Amino acid sequence: MRGKISDNWLEHWDFLLLDVVFLQIAYIAAYIFRNGFHNLYANTVYLNIGIIICLAGICAAFFLEGYQDILKRGYFQEFKAVVKHVFTVCVFVVSYLFLTKSSEEFSRISFVVFACGGVLILYLERVLWKTYLLRNKKEYYRQKALIILTVSSIGDQVVRNVRKNSRHERKIIGVVFTDRSDLVGTVVEGEKVVCSKENFCDYIQRKWVDEVLINTGDTAAVPKQLVNSCIKMGITVHFTIPEIGEEVKNQKIETVAGYVVVSAGISSASPGELFLKRLMDIAGAVIGLAITGAVFIFIAPAIYFSSPGPVLFSQIRVGKNGRKFKIYKFRSMYPDAEEKKKDLLEKNQMKGQIFKMEDDPRIIGSGPSGKSHGLGWFLRKTSIDELPQFWNILKGDMSLVGTRPPTVDEWEQYEHHHRGRLAIKPGLTGLWQVSGRSDIQDFEEIVKMDIQYIQNWNLGLDIKILLKTIWVVLKGEGSK
């Protein structure tokens, strides 16, 4: 179960400090590799980028929760975390260069060397520092003394869970059963039952106790008087929330309308990850709109002369969790395309709540049979018709990567399990689009891929899909 942005980035301030220092070392080394032994900070652009790298490293640690369970991570998990951290820093650097128009003053070779060297140096730094800390864990952790307050029926399970998940942060100094005073002096999973509920306050008053963990299996059975007594004595008390079960995924603790609740959703993305996704959307939308503006100069007259009418096509689509918005495209069909759609429904080649047909006479220049390849076919084949959606992305209606936004009539035919594909913002591209696009004719297969994308989402997956989208569009695979 994972909560909101935590303070573990400050708890592991040593890793944060080392990351900032070693990224700066990687930056200096990259500069020396390209320019020799000169003072890089004498150059204003290089000085500013050095500052950006420091600030971006701190932001990455905060928003990505990069130090969550850092001492428990394996080598491969740590490598992935380092790549994500350095990539985020590089995004900040590129954004700065783009916004300040300073890219020509900064060496691309230095940037590539910094990115690759940063991953290597940070990875080695973290692995070596973790090794040192774990070998000297007692001095580093200053373990907290913990007493478990539970019931006899689940005592062994609670002790095992605490021992398994606490690692070196806490040491169990005793167990107390709230329902069985006759078990005092016995042993549960190697831990002694130290006192009864009635003598609990007297016991902890005389002992070294930092925390009390209460798990009675039922919140109604929590001994509130004991809780208040612990708090008055300055002892931290932890309550466990009744378990929903592992079959309910992506559980996290939140405060909603004044209540502490367990929230569960289809996506496990943290606020920090969503913030970075939005930053990537904005950067991509700005670049995309610049490209759209250049293309508009040539495409607009071609559309108008091929089919008099508006150059842009707009339509109400359904977005995240049922929000309706107006989507924009370059018009690739005749103005009466929507009216003609109902006469062509029987020719739909898709199975389910989506409409597609190969020889569509509504497309500009396709002829009565729909088999001719004119301007409309070219716009759709190259996906140029999708370019105005960068405006939707900048507005926040859509994302660079997501799921296809359905039309209102498609949405109204959705079954319960179909709705899950709209748990996120719809995207300009997505897993479906790079996995065959129109070659996939079963809507249920599309839904399955969309849910797979949502449940396994991360920034790396978005980047992979974006790169694959470029390749798919250039080859014209699957588009019709």
Foldseek 3Di string as FASTA:
>chain_A
DAAAQDPVCVVPVVLLVVLLVQLLVLLVVLCCVPPNPDDQCVDVLSVVLNVLLSVQLSLCCRLVVLCVCLLVDDLVVNLVSQLSSLVSSLVSSVVVCVVVVPVVVDDPSSSVSSSVSSSVRSSVVSVVVSVVCVVVVCVVQVAAEEEEEEAPVCVLVVVVVCCVPCPSNHDYQEYEHAPDQPQQQPDHPNHGHDGYPVCVLVVVVPDRHAEYEYDHLDPVPPPVVVVVSCVVVVHHYHYDDRDPDPVQPQWYWDQDPNDTDIDGDLFNDHPSQVVSQLVVLQVVLVVLVVVLVVVCVPQQVVVCVLENDHQKDWAWFAAALGDIDIAIWGDQFHPCLVVCVVVCQVQAQAAALDGDHDQRPRGRPCPPRSNGCDDSNVCQLLVVRLSVRSVVSNVPQAGQEAAATHHPVSVVRDDPLQSSSRNDTHHSYYPCNLPQAQVHRYVVVSSVRSSVCRNPDGVVVVVVRVVSNVVCSVVSGNTD
